[in-house]
Amino acid sequence: MSRSKTLVAGFAVAALVAVTAACSSGSSSSGGSNQGTGLVLINTSPYKGDIITPVAKPTTIFTADTTGKPYNIKTTTSGRVTLLYFGYTTCPDQCPLTMANTAAALRILPKADAAKVTVLFVTVDPTHDTLARLRYWLGQFDPAFIGLRGTLAQIQQAAQQTGIPVGSAPIKGPDGTYAYQHGTVMLAFSTNDTAYESFFPSTPPANMAHDLALLVAGHHP
């Protein structure tokens, strides 16, 4: 391990609890399971995101993106900086916060650099998140954001390949609301199609923009 990456003791207790949430379709929410994306590492590098053990881009082919065409994450985004997030449009907190901060970060970057970043939002609620709904919801943050919709098997495969925890069924509340359990970290893939860092929903846009500029230039943690 390089000098810039020192393993955090007790990561399973601290870090992994923080990356899973059950976002409610109404006003309620609940905690999640202790699963996560690789090992979280102490960051002593120039990067401001959370350094993780390397994660390769998933090979899943989703049924459709927001243009209605099948989408293979690995081949379609090959060589591009790619931000990948699992969530759903009726999530009241972590999902919209992540998308809003990501959009703000891209506005900080020079337009030429922002154009080199692909943002992917994989819905974990394909029953309710139609392509039209995904287009509308993502368009409120940035029209360039791409929504991906697939079968539960496709979603689970991509989640397993990236180490992002995703629930297999909604959690229904007594008041009729429902929630989907999903990891709340956004993976940041470098131009070599490997993620070495992730961003939490609360990551400041300026910090995201700082790291994205490095990734677009071909660097990685």
C-alpha atoms as a PDB file:
ATOM      1  CA  MET A   1       0.000   0.000   0.000  1.00  0.00           C
ATOM      2  CA  SER A   2       1.282   3.465  -0.886  1.00  0.00           C
ATOM      3  CA  ARG A   3       2.175   5.997   1.765  1.00  0.00           C
ATOM      4  CA  SER A   4      -0.853   8.046   0.767  1.00  0.00           C
ATOM      5  CA  LYS A   5      -3.265   5.251   1.664  1.00  0.00           C
ATOM      6  CA  THR A   6      -3.444   3.972   5.220  1.00  0.00           C
ATOM      7  CA  LEU A   7      -6.163   1.548   6.220  1.00  0.00           C
ATOM      8  CA  VAL A   8      -8.748   2.908   8.625  1.00  0.00           C
ATOM      9  CA  ALA A   9      -9.093   0.678  11.673  1.00  0.00           C
ATOM     10  CA  GLY A  10     -12.645  -0.373  12.311  1.00  0.00           C
ATOM     11  CA  PHE A  11     -13.950   0.727   8.929  1.00  0.00           C
ATOM     12  CA  ALA A  12     -16.845  -1.712   9.102  1.00  0.00           C
ATOM     13  CA  VAL A  13     -18.251   0.038  12.158  1.00  0.00           C
ATOM     14  CA  ALA A  14     -17.794   3.632  11.056  1.00  0.00           C
ATOM     15  CA  ALA A  15     -17.620   3.975   7.295  1.00  0.00           C
ATOM     16  CA  LEU A  16     -19.880   1.227   6.029  1.00  0.00           C
ATOM     17  CA  VAL A  17     -22.772   2.229   8.253  1.00  0.00           C
ATOM     18  CA  ALA A  18     -22.635   5.664   6.671  1.00  0.00           C
ATOM     19  CA  VAL A  19     -22.920   4.521   3.058  1.00  0.00           C
ATOM     20  CA  THR A  20     -26.303   2.778   3.237  1.00  0.00           C
ATOM     21  CA  ALA A  21     -29.675   4.429   3.644  1.00  0.00           C
ATOM     22  CA  ALA A  22     -33.323   3.582   3.226  1.00  0.00           C
ATOM     23  CA  CYS A  23     -34.798   6.632   1.509  1.00  0.00           C
ATOM     24  CA  SER A  24     -38.551   6.912   2.005  1.00  0.00           C
ATOM     25  CA  SER A  25     -41.142   7.796  -0.597  1.00  0.00           C
ATOM     26  CA  GLY A  26     -42.740   9.991   2.056  1.00  0.00           C
ATOM     27  CA  SER A  27     -41.326  11.810   5.036  1.00  0.00           C
ATOM     28  CA  SER A  28     -39.910   8.841   6.943  1.00  0.00           C
ATOM     29  CA  SER A  29     -36.564   7.072   6.532  1.00  0.00           C
ATOM     30  CA  SER A  30     -34.642   4.343   8.285  1.00  0.00           C
ATOM     31  CA  GLY A  31     -31.133   2.992   8.628  1.00  0.00           C
ATOM     32  CA  GLY A  32     -29.525   0.273   6.534  1.00  0.00           C
ATOM     33  CA  SER A  33     -27.218  -2.693   6.565  1.00  0.00           C
ATOM     34  CA  ASN A  34     -23.478  -2.714   7.141  1.00  0.00           C
ATOM     35  CA  GLN A  35     -22.372  -3.280   3.581  1.00  0.00           C
ATOM     36  CA  GLY A  36     -20.225  -1.036   1.424  1.00  0.00           C
ATOM     37  CA  THR A  37     -17.787  -0.377  -1.348  1.00  0.00           C
ATOM     38  CA  GLY A  38     -14.440  -1.979  -0.596  1.00  0.00           C
ATOM     39  CA  LEU A  39     -12.234  -0.614   2.157  1.00  0.00           C
ATOM     40  CA  VAL A  40     -12.329   3.060   3.047  1.00  0.00           C
ATOM     41  CA  LEU A  41      -8.812   4.480   3.335  1.00  0.00           C
ATOM     42  CA  ILE A  42      -7.349   7.481   5.103  1.00  0.00           C
ATOM     43  CA  ASN A  43      -6.743  10.119   2.466  1.00  0.00           C
ATOM     44  CA  THR A  44      -3.408  11.899   2.645  1.00  0.00           C
ATOM     45  CA  SER A  45      -3.321  12.514  -1.111  1.00  0.00           C
ATOM     46  CA  PRO A  46      -4.287  15.743  -2.930  1.00  0.00           C
ATOM     47  CA  TYR A  47      -7.772  14.292  -3.459  1.00  0.00           C
ATOM     48  CA  LYS A  48     -10.675  15.522  -1.360  1.00  0.00           C
ATOM     49  CA  GLY A  49     -13.041  12.580  -1.910  1.00  0.00           C
ATOM     50  CA  ASP A  50     -13.060   9.327   0.064  1.00  0.00           C
ATOM     51  CA  ILE A  51     -10.291   7.012  -1.129  1.00  0.00           C
ATOM     52  CA  ILE A  52     -11.445   3.398  -1.567  1.00  0.00           C
ATOM     53  CA  THR A  53      -9.957   0.132  -2.746  1.00  0.00           C
ATOM     54  CA  PRO A  54     -10.180   0.036  -6.578  1.00  0.00           C
ATOM     55  CA  VAL A  55     -13.535  -0.827  -8.155  1.00  0.00           C
ATOM     56  CA  ALA A  56     -13.888  -1.731 -11.845  1.00  0.00           C
ATOM     57  CA  LYS A  57     -16.752  -0.438 -13.960  1.00  0.00           C
ATOM     58  CA  PRO A  58     -19.685  -2.872 -14.029  1.00  0.00           C
ATOM     59  CA  THR A  59     -20.293  -4.895 -17.184  1.00  0.00           C
ATOM     60  CA  THR A  60     -24.076  -4.826 -16.815  1.00  0.00           C
ATOM     61  CA  ILE A  61     -26.156  -3.988 -19.879  1.00  0.00           C
ATOM     62  CA  PHE A  62     -29.237  -2.095 -18.729  1.00  0.00           C
ATOM     63  CA  THR A  63     -32.534  -2.359 -20.558  1.00  0.00           C
ATOM     64  CA  ALA A  64     -32.615   1.337 -21.383  1.00  0.00           C
ATOM     65  CA  ASP A  65     -31.120   4.723 -20.687  1.00  0.00           C
ATOM     66  CA  THR A  66     -33.190   7.903 -20.692  1.00  0.00           C
ATOM     67  CA  THR A  67     -33.122   7.946 -24.511  1.00  0.00           C
ATOM     68  CA  GLY A  68     -34.701   4.481 -24.599  1.00  0.00           C
ATOM     69  CA  LYS A  69     -31.620   2.612 -25.834  1.00  0.00           C
ATOM     70  CA  PRO A  70     -29.826  -0.294 -24.110  1.00  0.00           C
ATOM     71  CA  TYR A  71     -26.839   0.915 -22.125  1.00  0.00           C
ATOM     72  CA  ASN A  72     -23.603  -0.889 -21.317  1.00  0.00           C
ATOM     73  CA  ILE A  73     -21.799   1.155 -18.671  1.00  0.00           C
ATOM     74  CA  LYS A  74     -18.350  -0.297 -19.292  1.00  0.00           C
ATOM     75  CA  THR A  75     -18.272   0.016 -23.069  1.00  0.00           C
ATOM     76  CA  THR A  76     -20.322   3.202 -23.476  1.00  0.00           C
ATOM     77  CA  THR A  77     -18.261   5.186 -20.979  1.00  0.00           C
ATOM     78  CA  SER A  78     -14.900   3.598 -21.717  1.00  0.00           C
ATOM     79  CA  GLY A  79     -12.073   6.079 -21.163  1.00  0.00           C
ATOM     80  CA  ARG A  80     -14.385   8.724 -19.694  1.00  0.00           C
ATOM     81  CA  VAL A  81     -14.567  10.013 -16.153  1.00  0.00           C
ATOM     82  CA  THR A  82     -17.831   8.533 -14.903  1.00  0.00           C
ATOM     83  CA  LEU A  83     -19.869   9.169 -11.769  1.00  0.00           C
ATOM     84  CA  LEU A  84     -22.171   6.286 -10.819  1.00  0.00           C
ATOM     85  CA  TYR A  85     -24.991   6.479  -8.281  1.00  0.00           C
ATOM     86  CA  PHE A  86     -27.790   4.108  -7.284  1.00  0.00           C
ATOM     87  CA  GLY A  87     -31.017   5.695  -6.050  1.00  0.00           C
ATOM     88  CA  TYR A  88     -34.597   6.558  -6.979  1.00  0.00           C
ATOM     89  CA  THR A  89     -36.571   9.646  -7.830  1.00  0.00           C
ATOM     90  CA  THR A  90     -38.904   9.726  -4.812  1.00  0.00           C
ATOM     91  CA  CYS A  91     -36.031   9.568  -2.341  1.00  0.00           C
ATOM     92  CA  PRO A  92     -36.511  12.741  -0.296  1.00  0.00           C
ATOM     93  CA  ASP A  93     -32.970  13.426   0.858  1.00  0.00           C
ATOM     94  CA  GLN A  94     -29.743  11.657  -0.150  1.00  0.00           C
ATOM     95  CA  CYS A  95     -30.515  11.184  -3.851  1.00  0.00           C
ATOM     96  CA  PRO A  96     -31.543  14.772  -4.673  1.00  0.00           C
ATOM     97  CA  LEU A  97     -28.731  16.117  -2.483  1.00  0.00           C
ATOM     98  CA  THR A  98     -26.180  14.035  -4.388  1.00  0.00           C
ATOM     99  CA  MET A  99     -27.507  15.089  -7.781  1.00  0.00           C
ATOM    100  CA  ALA A 100     -27.699  18.761  -6.772  1.00  0.00           C
ATOM    101  CA  ASN A 101     -24.126  18.796  -5.475  1.00  0.00           C
ATOM    102  CA  THR A 102     -22.895  16.961  -8.560  1.00  0.00           C
ATOM    103  CA  ALA A 103     -24.578  19.479 -10.853  1.00  0.00           C
ATOM    104  CA  ALA A 104     -23.069  22.323  -8.848  1.00  0.00           C
ATOM    105  CA  ALA A 105     -19.621  20.742  -9.079  1.00  0.00           C
ATOM    106  CA  LEU A 106     -19.863  20.464 -12.855  1.00  0.00           C
ATOM    107  CA  ARG A 107     -20.837  24.130 -13.105  1.00  0.00           C
ATOM    108  CA  ILE A 108     -17.631  25.019 -11.256  1.00  0.00           C
ATOM    109  CA  LEU A 109     -15.502  23.190 -13.827  1.00  0.00           C
ATOM    110  CA  PRO A 110     -14.553  24.759 -17.152  1.00  0.00           C
ATOM    111  CA  LYS A 111     -17.143  23.710 -19.729  1.00  0.00           C
ATOM    112  CA  ALA A 112     -14.569  21.687 -21.650  1.00  0.00           C
ATOM    113  CA  ASP A 113     -13.787  19.627 -18.555  1.00  0.00           C
ATOM    114  CA  ALA A 114     -17.414  19.225 -17.512  1.00  0.00           C
ATOM    115  CA  ALA A 115     -18.194  17.826 -20.969  1.00  0.00           C
ATOM    116  CA  LYS A 116     -15.740  15.005 -20.288  1.00  0.00           C
ATOM    117  CA  VAL A 117     -17.677  13.754 -17.251  1.00  0.00           C
ATOM    118  CA  THR A 118     -20.568  11.280 -17.558  1.00  0.00           C
ATOM    119  CA  VAL A 119     -23.077  11.124 -14.694  1.00  0.00           C
ATOM    120  CA  LEU A 120     -25.116   7.919 -14.400  1.00  0.00           C
ATOM    121  CA  PHE A 121     -28.115   7.453 -12.101  1.00  0.00           C
ATOM    122  CA  VAL A 122     -29.272   3.837 -11.773  1.00  0.00           C
ATOM    123  CA  THR A 123     -32.799   3.614 -10.412  1.00  0.00           C
ATOM    124  CA  VAL A 124     -33.364   0.958  -7.762  1.00  0.00           C
ATOM    125  CA  ASP A 125     -37.128   1.434  -8.233  1.00  0.00           C
ATOM    126  CA  PRO A 126     -37.812   0.445 -11.853  1.00  0.00           C
ATOM    127  CA  THR A 127     -41.487  -0.148 -11.034  1.00  0.00           C
ATOM    128  CA  HIS A 128     -42.188   3.537 -10.460  1.00  0.00           C
ATOM    129  CA  ASP A 129     -39.223   5.221 -12.167  1.00  0.00           C
ATOM    130  CA  THR A 130     -40.245   5.174 -15.810  1.00  0.00           C
ATOM    131  CA  LEU A 131     -37.883   6.583 -18.414  1.00  0.00           C
ATOM    132  CA  ALA A 132     -40.063   9.687 -18.669  1.00  0.00           C
ATOM    133  CA  ARG A 133     -39.919  10.188 -14.914  1.00  0.00           C
ATOM    134  CA  LEU A 134     -36.149   9.699 -14.860  1.00  0.00           C
ATOM    135  CA  ARG A 135     -35.692  12.232 -17.691  1.00  0.00           C
ATOM    136  CA  TYR A 136     -37.831  14.822 -15.925  1.00  0.00           C
ATOM    137  CA  TRP A 137     -36.299  14.326 -12.472  1.00  0.00           C
ATOM    138  CA  LEU A 138     -32.675  14.319 -13.629  1.00  0.00           C
ATOM    139  CA  GLY A 139     -33.345  17.228 -15.953  1.00  0.00           C
ATOM    140  CA  GLN A 140     -34.079  19.398 -12.937  1.00  0.00           C
ATOM    141  CA  PHE A 141     -30.429  19.030 -11.949  1.00  0.00           C
ATOM    142  CA  ASP A 142     -28.669  18.730 -15.324  1.00  0.00           C
ATOM    143  CA  PRO A 143     -30.162  17.621 -18.671  1.00  0.00           C
ATOM    144  CA  ALA A 144     -26.917  15.801 -19.450  1.00  0.00           C
ATOM    145  CA  PHE A 145     -27.353  13.383 -16.536  1.00  0.00           C
ATOM    146  CA  ILE A 146     -28.207   9.886 -17.761  1.00  0.00           C
ATOM    147  CA  GLY A 147     -30.780   7.704 -16.045  1.00  0.00           C
ATOM    148  CA  LEU A 148     -30.551   3.929 -16.318  1.00  0.00           C
ATOM    149  CA  ARG A 149     -33.483   1.577 -15.903  1.00  0.00           C
ATOM    150  CA  GLY A 150     -33.338  -2.197 -15.933  1.00  0.00           C
ATOM    151  CA  THR A 151     -34.660  -5.368 -14.434  1.00  0.00           C
ATOM    152  CA  LEU A 152     -34.085  -6.137 -10.780  1.00  0.00           C
ATOM    153  CA  ALA A 153     -31.544  -8.748 -11.900  1.00  0.00           C
ATOM    154  CA  GLN A 154     -29.602  -6.131 -13.871  1.00  0.00           C
ATOM    155  CA  ILE A 155     -29.653  -3.679 -10.974  1.00  0.00           C
ATOM    156  CA  GLN A 156     -28.506  -6.326  -8.511  1.00  0.00           C
ATOM    157  CA  GLN A 157     -25.722  -7.458 -10.844  1.00  0.00           C
ATOM    158  CA  ALA A 158     -24.347  -3.932 -11.218  1.00  0.00           C
ATOM    159  CA  ALA A 159     -24.647  -3.376  -7.475  1.00  0.00           C
ATOM    160  CA  GLN A 160     -22.772  -6.573  -6.688  1.00  0.00           C
ATOM    161  CA  GLN A 161     -20.030  -5.797  -9.198  1.00  0.00           C
ATOM    162  CA  THR A 162     -19.427  -2.389  -7.635  1.00  0.00           C
ATOM    163  CA  GLY A 163     -19.977  -3.379  -4.008  1.00  0.00           C
ATOM    164  CA  ILE A 164     -22.848  -0.914  -3.584  1.00  0.00           C
ATOM    165  CA  PRO A 165     -25.541  -2.329  -1.290  1.00  0.00           C
ATOM    166  CA  VAL A 166     -29.011  -2.322  -2.847  1.00  0.00           C
ATOM    167  CA  GLY A 167     -32.145  -3.842  -1.321  1.00  0.00           C
ATOM    168  CA  SER A 168     -34.115  -6.413  -3.299  1.00  0.00           C
ATOM    169  CA  ALA A 169     -37.562  -5.140  -2.274  1.00  0.00           C
ATOM    170  CA  PRO A 170     -39.145  -1.928  -0.963  1.00  0.00           C
ATOM    171  CA  ILE A 171     -39.683  -1.386   2.742  1.00  0.00           C
ATOM    172  CA  LYS A 172     -43.330  -0.427   3.245  1.00  0.00           C
ATOM    173  CA  GLY A 173     -44.379   1.765   6.148  1.00  0.00           C
ATOM    174  CA  PRO A 174     -47.711   1.622   8.014  1.00  0.00           C
ATOM    175  CA  ASP A 175     -48.657   5.003   6.554  1.00  0.00           C
ATOM    176  CA  GLY A 176     -48.389   3.743   2.976  1.00  0.00           C
ATOM    177  CA  THR A 177     -44.945   5.157   2.254  1.00  0.00           C
ATOM    178  CA  TYR A 178     -42.205   2.962   0.900  1.00  0.00           C
ATOM    179  CA  ALA A 179     -38.443   3.077   0.982  1.00  0.00           C
ATOM    180  CA  TYR A 180     -35.647   1.412  -0.964  1.00  0.00           C
ATOM    181  CA  GLN A 181     -32.398   0.520   0.730  1.00  0.00           C
ATOM    182  CA  HIS A 182     -29.374   1.611  -1.282  1.00  0.00           C
ATOM    183  CA  GLY A 183     -25.806   2.744  -0.831  1.00  0.00           C
ATOM    184  CA  THR A 184     -25.495   6.516  -0.793  1.00  0.00           C
ATOM    185  CA  VAL A 185     -21.944   6.899  -2.090  1.00  0.00           C
ATOM    186  CA  MET A 186     -21.244   8.009  -5.652  1.00  0.00           C
ATOM    187  CA  LEU A 187     -18.378   6.157  -7.317  1.00  0.00           C
ATOM    188  CA  ALA A 188     -15.945   8.281  -9.331  1.00  0.00           C
ATOM    189  CA  PHE A 189     -14.343   6.294 -12.164  1.00  0.00           C
ATOM    190  CA  SER A 190     -11.091   7.552 -13.628  1.00  0.00           C
ATOM    191  CA  THR A 191     -10.186   7.496 -17.316  1.00  0.00           C
ATOM    192  CA  ASN A 192      -8.770   3.986 -16.827  1.00  0.00           C
ATOM    193  CA  ASP A 193     -12.300   2.794 -15.978  1.00  0.00           C
ATOM    194  CA  THR A 194     -11.483   2.152 -12.318  1.00  0.00           C
ATOM    195  CA  ALA A 195     -12.847   3.986  -9.284  1.00  0.00           C
ATOM    196  CA  TYR A 196     -10.328   4.860  -6.585  1.00  0.00           C
ATOM    197  CA  GLU A 197     -12.554   7.310  -4.757  1.00  0.00           C
ATOM    198  CA  SER A 198     -16.157   8.047  -3.948  1.00  0.00           C
ATOM    199  CA  PHE A 199     -18.233  11.033  -2.896  1.00  0.00           C
ATOM    200  CA  PHE A 200     -20.796  11.156  -0.106  1.00  0.00           C
ATOM    201  CA  PRO A 201     -24.030  13.135  -0.624  1.00  0.00           C
ATOM    202  CA  SER A 202     -22.671  15.831   1.688  1.00  0.00           C
ATOM    203  CA  THR A 203     -19.381  16.267  -0.205  1.00  0.00           C
ATOM    204  CA  PRO A 204     -19.045  19.991  -1.009  1.00  0.00           C
ATOM    205  CA  PRO A 205     -19.337  20.739  -4.749  1.00  0.00           C
ATOM    206  CA  ALA A 206     -15.988  22.563  -4.662  1.00  0.00           C
ATOM    207  CA  ASN A 207     -14.282  19.413  -3.395  1.00  0.00           C
ATOM    208  CA  MET A 208     -15.940  17.323  -6.083  1.00  0.00           C
ATOM    209  CA  ALA A 209     -14.928  19.793  -8.777  1.00  0.00           C
ATOM    210  CA  HIS A 210     -11.335  19.776  -7.506  1.00  0.00           C
ATOM    211  CA  ASP A 211     -11.092  16.003  -7.865  1.00  0.00           C
ATOM    212  CA  LEU A 212     -12.978  15.817 -11.154  1.00  0.00           C
ATOM    213  CA  ALA A 213     -10.481  18.228 -12.706  1.00  0.00           C
ATOM    214  CA  LEU A 214      -7.674  15.854 -11.692  1.00  0.00           C
ATOM    215  CA  LEU A 215      -9.529  12.815 -13.018  1.00  0.00           C
ATOM    216  CA  VAL A 216     -10.316  14.495 -16.350  1.00  0.00           C
ATOM    217  CA  ALA A 217      -6.607  15.275 -16.700  1.00  0.00           C
ATOM    218  CA  GLY A 218      -5.911  11.551 -16.527  1.00  0.00           C
ATOM    219  CA  HIS A 219      -4.803  11.329 -12.906  1.00  0.00           C
ATOM    220  CA  HIS A 220      -6.199   9.167 -10.128  1.00  0.00           C
ATOM    221  CA  PRO A 221      -5.549   8.679  -6.398  1.00  0.00           C
END
